[in-house]
């Protein structure tokens, strides 16, 4: 959670790197997802550090801006859910419960839903660091997803899982005992031949 200007700058830099945004004017002006993430992080910073009525009003303005940009891109992502290094791959439907807690370096694809269970006040998922969530994945209920977990396309995750796993299917099951970091490392090793 962003609690200081240093945190805010760290989150922005980690998000920029995760999205692969270069410091070029073209990328800074034309990348809509980057504009959304910058607005989201500024909202988190102002909301968490508001000390007077003017800053609280500015946070309200930022909340409206995030909502407007989110509608344009198809995102319903509230403040203070994701850790640093958030990477949204494409514009398209992404719905996240505002009480979720998702760690650092999360990669999201389109048509994802992360939410609570059937009860109105049901606890939503807690997701660890370095997770990849594939297109169409649905994650719901009072569950915990470990670190370095890949969730395959269209998987329906309704049970907790540990670290370093790949999940797939309906309902989701462990299909490999390695996560996205392991897969990336293997790809980098095979390219270096």
N, C-alpha and C. Protein backbone atom coordinates (compact mmCIF):
# COMPACT_ATOMS: atom_id res chain seq x y z
N UNK A 1 0.83 -1.18 0.00
CA UNK A 1 0.00 0.00 0.00
C UNK A 1 0.89 1.25 0.00
N UNK A 2 0.49 2.23 -0.76
CA UNK A 2 1.25 3.46 -0.87
C UNK A 2 0.96 4.33 0.35
N UNK A 3 2.02 4.63 1.11
CA UNK A 3 1.85 5.43 2.32
C UNK A 3 2.74 6.67 2.34
N UNK A 4 3.55 6.85 1.30
CA UNK A 4 4.44 8.02 1.24
C UNK A 4 4.74 8.34 -0.22
N UNK A 5 5.36 9.50 -0.43
CA UNK A 5 5.74 9.88 -1.80
C UNK A 5 6.77 8.90 -2.37
N UNK A 6 7.68 8.42 -1.51
CA UNK A 6 8.67 7.43 -1.96
C UNK A 6 7.99 6.15 -2.42
N UNK A 7 6.97 5.69 -1.69
CA UNK A 7 6.21 4.51 -2.10
C UNK A 7 5.53 4.76 -3.44
N UNK A 8 4.92 5.94 -3.57
CA UNK A 8 4.23 6.31 -4.80
C UNK A 8 5.17 6.24 -6.00
N UNK A 9 6.35 6.83 -5.87
CA UNK A 9 7.33 6.82 -6.97
C UNK A 9 7.83 5.41 -7.27
N UNK A 10 8.01 4.60 -6.23
CA UNK A 10 8.43 3.21 -6.41
C UNK A 10 7.36 2.42 -7.18
N UNK A 11 6.10 2.55 -6.78
CA UNK A 11 5.01 1.85 -7.46
C UNK A 11 4.93 2.27 -8.92
N UNK A 12 5.03 3.58 -9.18
CA UNK A 12 4.98 4.05 -10.57
C UNK A 12 6.11 3.46 -11.41
N UNK A 13 7.32 3.46 -10.87
CA UNK A 13 8.46 2.93 -11.62
C UNK A 13 8.31 1.43 -11.85
N UNK A 14 7.88 0.69 -10.85
CA UNK A 14 7.69 -0.76 -11.01
C UNK A 14 6.60 -1.06 -12.03
N UNK A 15 5.50 -0.29 -12.00
CA UNK A 15 4.44 -0.47 -12.98
C UNK A 15 4.94 -0.16 -14.39
N UNK A 16 5.71 0.93 -14.53
CA UNK A 16 6.25 1.31 -15.84
C UNK A 16 7.12 0.20 -16.41
N UNK A 17 7.99 -0.35 -15.56
CA UNK A 17 8.87 -1.44 -16.00
C UNK A 17 8.06 -2.68 -16.35
N UNK A 18 7.06 -3.01 -15.55
CA UNK A 18 6.23 -4.20 -15.80
C UNK A 18 5.47 -4.07 -17.12
N UNK A 19 5.04 -2.86 -17.45
CA UNK A 19 4.33 -2.63 -18.71
C UNK A 19 5.27 -2.51 -19.90
N UNK A 20 6.55 -2.34 -19.64
CA UNK A 20 7.52 -2.17 -20.74
C UNK A 20 7.43 -0.80 -21.38
N UNK A 21 7.02 0.21 -20.61
CA UNK A 21 6.92 1.58 -21.13
C UNK A 21 8.31 2.18 -21.17
N UNK A 22 8.70 2.60 -22.36
CA UNK A 22 10.00 3.25 -22.52
C UNK A 22 9.85 4.73 -22.20
N UNK A 23 10.93 5.39 -21.83
CA UNK A 23 10.82 6.82 -21.51
C UNK A 23 10.68 7.70 -22.75
N UNK A 24 10.06 7.17 -23.80
CA UNK A 24 9.87 7.98 -25.01
C UNK A 24 8.58 8.78 -24.90
N UNK A 25 8.53 9.89 -25.58
CA UNK A 25 7.35 10.74 -25.58
C UNK A 25 6.15 9.99 -26.16
N UNK A 26 6.38 9.21 -27.21
CA UNK A 26 5.30 8.46 -27.86
C UNK A 26 4.62 7.52 -26.86
N UNK A 27 5.40 6.72 -26.12
CA UNK A 27 4.82 5.79 -25.16
C UNK A 27 4.09 6.53 -24.04
N UNK A 28 4.67 7.62 -23.59
CA UNK A 28 4.06 8.36 -22.48
C UNK A 28 2.74 9.01 -22.90
N UNK A 29 2.60 9.36 -24.16
CA UNK A 29 1.39 10.04 -24.62
C UNK A 29 0.31 9.09 -25.11
N UNK A 30 0.67 7.94 -25.62
CA UNK A 30 -0.31 7.10 -26.32
C UNK A 30 -0.71 5.82 -25.59
N UNK A 31 -0.09 5.48 -24.53
CA UNK A 31 -0.36 4.20 -23.86
C UNK A 31 -1.50 4.38 -22.85
N UNK A 32 -2.72 4.01 -23.23
CA UNK A 32 -3.91 4.23 -22.39
C UNK A 32 -3.85 3.47 -21.07
N UNK A 33 -3.34 2.25 -21.09
CA UNK A 33 -3.26 1.47 -19.85
C UNK A 33 -2.30 2.14 -18.87
N UNK A 34 -1.21 2.69 -19.38
CA UNK A 34 -0.26 3.40 -18.52
C UNK A 34 -0.93 4.62 -17.89
N UNK A 35 -1.75 5.34 -18.66
CA UNK A 35 -2.47 6.49 -18.11
C UNK A 35 -3.41 6.06 -16.99
N UNK A 36 -4.09 4.92 -17.19
CA UNK A 36 -4.98 4.41 -16.15
C UNK A 36 -4.19 4.06 -14.89
N UNK A 37 -3.09 3.34 -15.06
CA UNK A 37 -2.31 2.91 -13.89
C UNK A 37 -1.70 4.11 -13.16
N UNK A 38 -1.25 5.12 -13.90
CA UNK A 38 -0.72 6.32 -13.24
C UNK A 38 -1.81 7.00 -12.41
N UNK A 39 -3.00 7.11 -12.98
CA UNK A 39 -4.11 7.73 -12.25
C UNK A 39 -4.49 6.89 -11.02
N UNK A 40 -4.49 5.58 -11.16
CA UNK A 40 -4.80 4.69 -10.04
C UNK A 40 -3.79 4.86 -8.92
N UNK A 41 -2.51 4.90 -9.26
CA UNK A 41 -1.47 5.06 -8.24
C UNK A 41 -1.54 6.44 -7.58
N UNK A 42 -1.84 7.48 -8.35
CA UNK A 42 -1.96 8.82 -7.77
C UNK A 42 -3.16 8.85 -6.82
N UNK A 43 -4.26 8.20 -7.20
CA UNK A 43 -5.42 8.10 -6.32
C UNK A 43 -5.05 7.40 -5.01
N UNK A 44 -4.34 6.29 -5.12
CA UNK A 44 -3.93 5.56 -3.91
C UNK A 44 -3.07 6.44 -3.00
N UNK A 45 -2.13 7.14 -3.61
CA UNK A 45 -1.24 8.03 -2.84
C UNK A 45 -2.04 9.11 -2.13
N UNK A 46 -2.89 9.80 -2.86
CA UNK A 46 -3.65 10.90 -2.27
C UNK A 46 -4.68 10.39 -1.25
N UNK A 47 -5.32 9.28 -1.56
CA UNK A 47 -6.32 8.72 -0.64
C UNK A 47 -5.68 8.28 0.68
N UNK A 48 -4.50 7.69 0.60
CA UNK A 48 -3.84 7.16 1.80
C UNK A 48 -3.09 8.21 2.60
N UNK A 49 -2.82 9.35 2.00
CA UNK A 49 -2.04 10.37 2.71
C UNK A 49 -2.80 11.68 2.90
N UNK A 50 -4.10 11.67 2.60
CA UNK A 50 -4.89 12.90 2.69
C UNK A 50 -4.88 13.43 4.11
N UNK A 51 -4.47 14.69 4.25
CA UNK A 51 -4.39 15.28 5.58
C UNK A 51 -5.32 16.48 5.75
N UNK A 52 -5.83 17.02 4.65
CA UNK A 52 -6.76 18.15 4.78
C UNK A 52 -7.88 18.01 3.75
N UNK A 53 -8.85 18.86 3.86
CA UNK A 53 -10.05 18.78 3.03
C UNK A 53 -9.74 18.96 1.54
N UNK A 54 -8.76 19.81 1.20
CA UNK A 54 -8.42 20.02 -0.22
C UNK A 54 -7.86 18.75 -0.85
N UNK A 55 -7.00 18.06 -0.12
CA UNK A 55 -6.43 16.82 -0.65
C UNK A 55 -7.51 15.76 -0.75
N UNK A 56 -8.43 15.73 0.20
CA UNK A 56 -9.55 14.77 0.14
C UNK A 56 -10.44 15.05 -1.06
N UNK A 57 -10.66 16.33 -1.37
CA UNK A 57 -11.44 16.70 -2.56
C UNK A 57 -10.69 16.31 -3.83
N UNK A 58 -9.39 16.52 -3.84
CA UNK A 58 -8.57 16.12 -4.98
C UNK A 58 -8.62 14.60 -5.17
N UNK A 59 -8.60 13.85 -4.07
CA UNK A 59 -8.70 12.39 -4.15
C UNK A 59 -10.05 11.98 -4.74
N UNK A 60 -11.10 12.70 -4.41
CA UNK A 60 -12.42 12.42 -4.99
C UNK A 60 -12.40 12.66 -6.49
N UNK A 61 -11.77 13.77 -6.91
CA UNK A 61 -11.61 14.05 -8.34
C UNK A 61 -10.84 12.92 -9.03
N UNK A 62 -9.75 12.47 -8.40
CA UNK A 62 -8.95 11.38 -8.97
C UNK A 62 -9.76 10.09 -9.06
N UNK A 63 -10.60 9.84 -8.08
CA UNK A 63 -11.44 8.64 -8.11
C UNK A 63 -12.38 8.68 -9.32
N UNK A 64 -12.94 9.84 -9.61
CA UNK A 64 -13.80 10.00 -10.79
C UNK A 64 -12.99 9.80 -12.08
N UNK A 65 -11.76 10.30 -12.10
CA UNK A 65 -10.89 10.12 -13.28
C UNK A 65 -10.55 8.66 -13.50
N UNK A 66 -10.22 7.95 -12.42
CA UNK A 66 -9.90 6.52 -12.54
C UNK A 66 -11.13 5.76 -13.04
N UNK A 67 -12.30 6.10 -12.52
CA UNK A 67 -13.53 5.44 -12.96
C UNK A 67 -13.79 5.70 -14.44
N UNK A 68 -13.58 6.95 -14.89
CA UNK A 68 -13.80 7.29 -16.30
C UNK A 68 -12.82 6.54 -17.21
N UNK A 69 -11.53 6.55 -16.84
CA UNK A 69 -10.54 5.82 -17.63
C UNK A 69 -10.83 4.32 -17.61
N UNK A 70 -11.25 3.82 -16.45
CA UNK A 70 -11.59 2.40 -16.33
C UNK A 70 -12.74 2.00 -17.23
N UNK A 71 -13.75 2.85 -17.30
CA UNK A 71 -14.88 2.55 -18.19
C UNK A 71 -14.44 2.53 -19.65
N UNK A 72 -13.57 3.45 -20.00
CA UNK A 72 -13.06 3.51 -21.39
C UNK A 72 -12.32 2.22 -21.74
N UNK A 73 -11.55 1.69 -20.78
CA UNK A 73 -10.73 0.51 -21.04
C UNK A 73 -11.41 -0.81 -20.65
N UNK A 74 -12.51 -0.73 -19.91
CA UNK A 74 -13.21 -1.94 -19.47
C UNK A 74 -12.74 -2.46 -18.12
N UNK A 75 -12.08 -1.62 -17.33
CA UNK A 75 -11.52 -2.04 -16.04
C UNK A 75 -12.41 -1.57 -14.90
N UNK A 76 -12.61 -2.45 -13.94
CA UNK A 76 -13.21 -2.07 -12.66
C UNK A 76 -12.21 -2.51 -11.60
N UNK A 77 -11.21 -1.66 -11.40
CA UNK A 77 -10.11 -1.95 -10.48
C UNK A 77 -10.06 -0.84 -9.44
N UNK A 78 -10.41 -1.15 -8.19
CA UNK A 78 -10.38 -0.13 -7.15
C UNK A 78 -8.97 0.14 -6.62
N UNK A 79 -8.85 1.20 -5.85
CA UNK A 79 -7.56 1.58 -5.26
C UNK A 79 -7.15 0.60 -4.15
N UNK A 80 -5.85 0.53 -3.93
CA UNK A 80 -5.25 -0.21 -2.82
C UNK A 80 -5.48 -1.72 -2.87
N UNK A 81 -5.49 -2.28 -4.06
CA UNK A 81 -5.64 -3.73 -4.22
C UNK A 81 -4.32 -4.37 -4.65
N UNK A 82 -3.63 -3.77 -5.63
CA UNK A 82 -2.44 -4.37 -6.22
C UNK A 82 -1.16 -3.79 -5.65
N UNK A 83 -0.16 -4.65 -5.49
CA UNK A 83 1.17 -4.20 -5.11
C UNK A 83 1.88 -3.59 -6.31
N UNK A 84 3.15 -3.20 -6.14
CA UNK A 84 3.89 -2.59 -7.26
C UNK A 84 4.16 -3.60 -8.37
N UNK A 85 4.34 -3.10 -9.57
CA UNK A 85 4.66 -3.96 -10.71
C UNK A 85 3.43 -4.52 -11.39
N UNK A 86 2.28 -3.86 -11.27
CA UNK A 86 1.06 -4.30 -11.95
C UNK A 86 1.25 -4.16 -13.45
N UNK A 87 0.87 -5.20 -14.19
CA UNK A 87 0.97 -5.18 -15.64
C UNK A 87 -0.35 -5.68 -16.23
N UNK A 88 -1.09 -4.78 -16.84
CA UNK A 88 -2.34 -5.14 -17.50
C UNK A 88 -2.02 -5.28 -18.98
N UNK A 89 -2.22 -6.49 -19.52
CA UNK A 89 -1.77 -6.79 -20.88
C UNK A 89 -2.57 -6.08 -21.96
N UNK A 90 -3.90 -6.00 -21.81
CA UNK A 90 -4.75 -5.44 -22.85
C UNK A 90 -5.94 -4.73 -22.23
N UNK A 91 -6.52 -3.83 -23.00
CA UNK A 91 -7.81 -3.27 -22.59
C UNK A 91 -8.85 -4.37 -22.74
N UNK A 92 -9.84 -4.36 -21.89
CA UNK A 92 -10.90 -5.36 -21.91
C UNK A 92 -11.39 -5.60 -20.50
N UNK A 93 -12.43 -6.36 -20.37
CA UNK A 93 -13.11 -6.53 -19.09
C UNK A 93 -12.21 -7.13 -18.02
N UNK A 94 -12.00 -6.36 -16.96
CA UNK A 94 -11.29 -6.84 -15.76
C UNK A 94 -12.07 -6.29 -14.57
N UNK A 95 -12.58 -7.20 -13.72
CA UNK A 95 -13.35 -6.81 -12.55
C UNK A 95 -12.67 -7.38 -11.32
N UNK A 96 -12.35 -6.50 -10.36
CA UNK A 96 -11.65 -6.91 -9.14
C UNK A 96 -12.40 -6.36 -7.93
N UNK A 97 -12.65 -7.21 -6.96
CA UNK A 97 -13.29 -6.81 -5.71
C UNK A 97 -12.37 -5.85 -4.97
N UNK A 98 -12.92 -4.81 -4.40
CA UNK A 98 -12.14 -3.79 -3.71
C UNK A 98 -11.49 -4.25 -2.43
N UNK A 99 -11.88 -5.42 -1.91
CA UNK A 99 -11.27 -5.93 -0.68
C UNK A 99 -10.21 -6.98 -0.94
N UNK A 100 -9.94 -7.28 -2.21
CA UNK A 100 -8.86 -8.23 -2.55
C UNK A 100 -7.52 -7.64 -2.17
N UNK A 101 -6.57 -8.49 -1.91
CA UNK A 101 -5.18 -8.07 -1.71
C UNK A 101 -4.34 -8.91 -2.66
N UNK A 102 -3.66 -8.22 -3.56
CA UNK A 102 -2.87 -8.89 -4.59
C UNK A 102 -1.46 -8.33 -4.54
N UNK A 103 -0.47 -9.21 -4.51
CA UNK A 103 0.92 -8.83 -4.30
C UNK A 103 1.58 -8.14 -5.47
N UNK A 104 2.89 -8.06 -5.39
CA UNK A 104 3.71 -7.37 -6.39
C UNK A 104 3.85 -8.20 -7.66
N UNK A 105 4.07 -7.51 -8.76
CA UNK A 105 4.39 -8.11 -10.06
C UNK A 105 3.31 -9.07 -10.54
N UNK A 106 2.08 -8.58 -10.57
CA UNK A 106 0.96 -9.37 -11.08
C UNK A 106 0.70 -8.98 -12.52
N UNK A 107 0.54 -9.99 -13.38
CA UNK A 107 0.24 -9.76 -14.80
C UNK A 107 -1.19 -10.22 -15.05
N UNK A 108 -2.03 -9.31 -15.57
CA UNK A 108 -3.44 -9.59 -15.83
C UNK A 108 -3.73 -9.57 -17.32
N UNK A 109 -4.61 -10.47 -17.73
CA UNK A 109 -5.11 -10.45 -19.11
C UNK A 109 -6.59 -10.12 -19.10
N UNK A 110 -7.24 -10.14 -20.25
CA UNK A 110 -8.63 -9.70 -20.38
C UNK A 110 -9.62 -10.72 -19.81
N UNK A 111 -10.82 -10.23 -19.55
CA UNK A 111 -11.97 -11.03 -19.10
C UNK A 111 -11.70 -11.76 -17.79
N UNK A 112 -11.06 -11.08 -16.86
CA UNK A 112 -10.74 -11.65 -15.55
C UNK A 112 -11.75 -11.14 -14.54
N UNK A 113 -12.14 -12.02 -13.63
CA UNK A 113 -13.00 -11.63 -12.52
C UNK A 113 -12.40 -12.18 -11.24
N UNK A 114 -12.10 -11.29 -10.30
CA UNK A 114 -11.55 -11.69 -9.00
C UNK A 114 -12.50 -11.14 -7.96
N UNK A 115 -13.24 -12.03 -7.26
CA UNK A 115 -14.25 -11.52 -6.34
C UNK A 115 -14.54 -12.42 -5.18
N UNK A 116 -15.49 -12.00 -4.36
CA UNK A 116 -15.90 -12.74 -3.17
C UNK A 116 -16.76 -13.93 -3.55
N UNK A 117 -17.32 -14.55 -2.56
CA UNK A 117 -18.19 -15.71 -2.77
C UNK A 117 -19.65 -15.29 -2.89
N UNK A 118 -20.55 -16.24 -2.58
CA UNK A 118 -21.98 -15.99 -2.70
C UNK A 118 -22.51 -14.99 -1.68
N UNK A 119 -22.03 -15.06 -0.45
CA UNK A 119 -22.51 -14.15 0.58
C UNK A 119 -22.07 -12.72 0.28
N UNK A 120 -22.91 -11.77 0.65
CA UNK A 120 -22.64 -10.36 0.35
C UNK A 120 -21.32 -9.89 0.97
N UNK A 121 -21.02 -10.33 2.17
CA UNK A 121 -19.81 -9.90 2.88
C UNK A 121 -18.70 -10.96 2.82
N UNK A 122 -18.77 -11.88 1.88
CA UNK A 122 -17.77 -12.94 1.78
C UNK A 122 -16.38 -12.35 1.53
N UNK A 123 -15.38 -12.95 2.14
CA UNK A 123 -14.01 -12.48 1.93
C UNK A 123 -13.54 -12.83 0.53
N UNK A 124 -12.87 -11.89 -0.14
CA UNK A 124 -12.35 -12.15 -1.47
C UNK A 124 -10.97 -12.80 -1.40
N UNK A 125 -10.43 -13.22 -2.53
CA UNK A 125 -9.12 -13.88 -2.55
C UNK A 125 -7.97 -12.98 -2.12
N UNK A 126 -6.93 -13.62 -1.62
CA UNK A 126 -5.64 -12.98 -1.35
C UNK A 126 -4.66 -13.68 -2.28
N UNK A 127 -3.97 -12.91 -3.11
CA UNK A 127 -3.08 -13.46 -4.13
C UNK A 127 -1.67 -12.96 -3.87
N UNK A 128 -0.69 -13.85 -3.93
CA UNK A 128 0.70 -13.51 -3.62
C UNK A 128 1.42 -12.75 -4.72
N UNK A 129 2.73 -12.70 -4.60
CA UNK A 129 3.60 -11.98 -5.55
C UNK A 129 3.89 -12.83 -6.78
N UNK A 130 4.26 -12.15 -7.86
CA UNK A 130 4.74 -12.78 -9.10
C UNK A 130 3.73 -13.76 -9.68
N UNK A 131 2.47 -13.32 -9.77
CA UNK A 131 1.42 -14.19 -10.32
C UNK A 131 1.03 -13.74 -11.72
N UNK A 132 0.67 -14.71 -12.52
CA UNK A 132 0.19 -14.50 -13.88
C UNK A 132 -1.25 -15.00 -13.92
N UNK A 133 -2.17 -14.14 -14.36
CA UNK A 133 -3.57 -14.52 -14.44
C UNK A 133 -3.99 -14.45 -15.91
N UNK A 134 -4.25 -15.61 -16.50
CA UNK A 134 -4.52 -15.71 -17.93
C UNK A 134 -5.91 -15.21 -18.32
N UNK A 135 -6.14 -15.05 -19.63
CA UNK A 135 -7.41 -14.54 -20.14
C UNK A 135 -8.59 -15.38 -19.68
N UNK A 136 -9.63 -14.71 -19.23
CA UNK A 136 -10.87 -15.39 -18.87
C UNK A 136 -10.88 -16.06 -17.51
N UNK A 137 -9.82 -15.93 -16.74
CA UNK A 137 -9.76 -16.59 -15.43
C UNK A 137 -10.78 -15.99 -14.46
N UNK A 138 -11.35 -16.85 -13.64
CA UNK A 138 -12.27 -16.44 -12.59
C UNK A 138 -11.71 -16.95 -11.28
N UNK A 139 -11.52 -16.05 -10.32
CA UNK A 139 -10.95 -16.40 -9.02
C UNK A 139 -11.91 -15.84 -7.98
N UNK A 140 -12.46 -16.71 -7.13
CA UNK A 140 -13.44 -16.20 -6.19
C UNK A 140 -13.45 -16.99 -4.89
N UNK A 141 -13.98 -16.34 -3.87
CA UNK A 141 -14.14 -16.98 -2.56
C UNK A 141 -13.03 -16.60 -1.60
N UNK A 142 -13.17 -17.08 -0.40
CA UNK A 142 -12.21 -16.84 0.68
C UNK A 142 -11.04 -17.80 0.52
N UNK A 143 -10.16 -17.51 -0.45
CA UNK A 143 -9.04 -18.40 -0.75
C UNK A 143 -7.73 -17.62 -0.76
N UNK A 144 -6.64 -18.38 -0.70
CA UNK A 144 -5.31 -17.78 -0.78
C UNK A 144 -4.55 -18.45 -1.91
N UNK A 145 -3.98 -17.61 -2.77
CA UNK A 145 -3.15 -18.07 -3.88
C UNK A 145 -1.71 -17.69 -3.51
N UNK A 146 -0.79 -18.64 -3.58
CA UNK A 146 0.59 -18.39 -3.17
C UNK A 146 1.37 -17.51 -4.14
N UNK A 147 2.67 -17.42 -3.91
CA UNK A 147 3.58 -16.66 -4.76
C UNK A 147 3.98 -17.49 -5.96
N UNK A 148 4.30 -16.82 -7.07
CA UNK A 148 4.78 -17.47 -8.29
C UNK A 148 3.79 -18.52 -8.78
N UNK A 149 2.54 -18.07 -8.99
CA UNK A 149 1.48 -18.96 -9.45
C UNK A 149 0.98 -18.47 -10.81
N UNK A 150 0.84 -19.39 -11.75
CA UNK A 150 0.25 -19.08 -13.05
C UNK A 150 -1.16 -19.68 -13.07
N UNK A 151 -2.12 -18.87 -13.47
CA UNK A 151 -3.51 -19.33 -13.58
C UNK A 151 -3.84 -19.29 -15.07
N UNK A 152 -4.14 -20.45 -15.62
CA UNK A 152 -4.35 -20.58 -17.06
C UNK A 152 -5.61 -19.92 -17.57
N UNK A 153 -5.70 -19.82 -18.87
CA UNK A 153 -6.84 -19.20 -19.53
C UNK A 153 -8.12 -19.95 -19.17
N UNK A 154 -9.15 -19.18 -18.84
CA UNK A 154 -10.49 -19.67 -18.51
C UNK A 154 -10.55 -20.58 -17.28
N UNK A 155 -9.52 -20.59 -16.47
CA UNK A 155 -9.54 -21.39 -15.24
C UNK A 155 -10.53 -20.78 -14.25
N UNK A 156 -11.17 -21.65 -13.47
CA UNK A 156 -12.07 -21.21 -12.41
C UNK A 156 -11.46 -21.67 -11.09
N UNK A 157 -10.90 -20.71 -10.36
CA UNK A 157 -10.17 -21.03 -9.13
C UNK A 157 -11.07 -20.72 -7.93
N UNK A 158 -11.40 -21.77 -7.17
CA UNK A 158 -12.24 -21.58 -5.98
C UNK A 158 -11.66 -22.29 -4.76
N UNK A 159 -10.39 -22.72 -4.87
CA UNK A 159 -9.69 -23.35 -3.75
C UNK A 159 -8.29 -22.76 -3.64
N UNK A 160 -7.79 -22.70 -2.42
CA UNK A 160 -6.45 -22.16 -2.17
C UNK A 160 -5.39 -23.03 -2.79
N UNK A 161 -4.23 -22.43 -3.07
CA UNK A 161 -3.08 -23.19 -3.57
C UNK A 161 -1.80 -22.58 -3.01
N UNK A 162 -0.74 -23.36 -3.02
CA UNK A 162 0.55 -22.92 -2.50
C UNK A 162 1.38 -22.18 -3.53
N UNK A 163 2.66 -22.05 -3.21
CA UNK A 163 3.61 -21.35 -4.08
C UNK A 163 4.05 -22.23 -5.25
N UNK A 164 4.57 -21.58 -6.31
CA UNK A 164 5.24 -22.24 -7.43
C UNK A 164 4.38 -23.30 -8.10
N UNK A 165 3.19 -22.89 -8.54
CA UNK A 165 2.29 -23.82 -9.20
C UNK A 165 1.66 -23.19 -10.43
N UNK A 166 1.18 -24.05 -11.30
CA UNK A 166 0.38 -23.63 -12.44
C UNK A 166 -0.98 -24.30 -12.31
N UNK A 167 -2.04 -23.49 -12.40
CA UNK A 167 -3.40 -24.00 -12.27
C UNK A 167 -4.13 -23.88 -13.59
N UNK A 168 -5.01 -24.84 -13.87
CA UNK A 168 -5.82 -24.78 -15.06
C UNK A 168 -7.05 -25.64 -14.92
N UNK A 169 -8.06 -25.34 -15.73
CA UNK A 169 -9.26 -26.15 -15.77
C UNK A 169 -10.43 -25.54 -15.01
N UNK A 170 -11.56 -26.28 -15.08
CA UNK A 170 -12.80 -25.87 -14.42
C UNK A 170 -13.33 -27.08 -13.66
N UNK A 171 -13.28 -27.11 -12.37
CA UNK A 171 -12.59 -26.19 -11.48
C UNK A 171 -11.08 -26.37 -11.62
N UNK A 172 -10.34 -25.35 -11.24
CA UNK A 172 -8.89 -25.35 -11.44
C UNK A 172 -8.21 -26.41 -10.58
N UNK A 173 -7.21 -27.04 -11.17
CA UNK A 173 -6.37 -28.02 -10.48
C UNK A 173 -4.92 -27.68 -10.78
N UNK A 174 -4.03 -28.19 -9.96
CA UNK A 174 -2.60 -28.00 -10.20
C UNK A 174 -2.22 -28.84 -11.42
N UNK A 175 -1.67 -28.19 -12.44
CA UNK A 175 -1.25 -28.93 -13.63
C UNK A 175 0.27 -28.97 -13.78
N UNK A 176 0.97 -28.16 -12.97
CA UNK A 176 2.43 -28.20 -12.95
C UNK A 176 2.92 -27.62 -11.62
N UNK A 177 4.04 -28.13 -11.17
CA UNK A 177 4.64 -27.63 -9.93
C UNK A 177 5.74 -26.62 -10.24
N UNK A 178 5.43 -25.69 -11.11
CA UNK A 178 6.30 -24.56 -11.39
C UNK A 178 5.41 -23.38 -11.77
N UNK A 179 5.89 -22.21 -11.47
CA UNK A 179 5.12 -21.00 -11.72
C UNK A 179 5.67 -20.20 -12.87
N UNK A 180 5.16 -19.00 -13.08
CA UNK A 180 5.58 -18.19 -14.22
C UNK A 180 7.06 -17.81 -14.20
N UNK A 181 7.63 -17.58 -13.01
CA UNK A 181 9.05 -17.24 -12.96
C UNK A 181 9.92 -18.41 -13.43
N UNK A 182 9.52 -19.63 -13.08
CA UNK A 182 10.25 -20.82 -13.53
C UNK A 182 10.16 -20.97 -15.05
N UNK A 183 8.98 -20.72 -15.59
CA UNK A 183 8.77 -20.84 -17.04
C UNK A 183 9.58 -19.78 -17.78
N UNK A 184 9.57 -18.53 -17.27
CA UNK A 184 10.37 -17.47 -17.90
C UNK A 184 11.86 -17.78 -17.86
N UNK A 185 12.32 -18.31 -16.72
CA UNK A 185 13.74 -18.65 -16.59
C UNK A 185 14.13 -19.72 -17.60
N UNK A 186 13.26 -20.71 -17.81
CA UNK A 186 13.53 -21.78 -18.78
C UNK A 186 13.59 -21.20 -20.20
N UNK A 187 12.67 -20.27 -20.52
CA UNK A 187 12.67 -19.65 -21.84
C UNK A 187 13.95 -18.84 -22.05
N UNK A 188 14.38 -18.08 -21.05
CA UNK A 188 15.60 -17.28 -21.17
C UNK A 188 16.81 -18.17 -21.36
N UNK A 189 16.86 -19.30 -20.66
CA UNK A 189 17.98 -20.23 -20.77
C UNK A 189 18.03 -20.83 -22.17
N UNK A 190 16.87 -21.20 -22.73
CA UNK A 190 16.86 -21.82 -24.05
C UNK A 190 17.19 -20.81 -25.16
N UNK A 191 16.90 -19.52 -24.95
CA UNK A 191 17.22 -18.50 -25.93
C UNK A 191 18.71 -18.19 -25.95
N UNK A 192 19.39 -18.36 -24.83
CA UNK A 192 20.81 -18.03 -24.73
C UNK A 192 21.74 -19.07 -25.34
N UNK A 193 21.25 -20.03 -26.06
CA UNK A 193 22.11 -21.07 -26.65
C UNK A 193 23.01 -20.51 -27.69
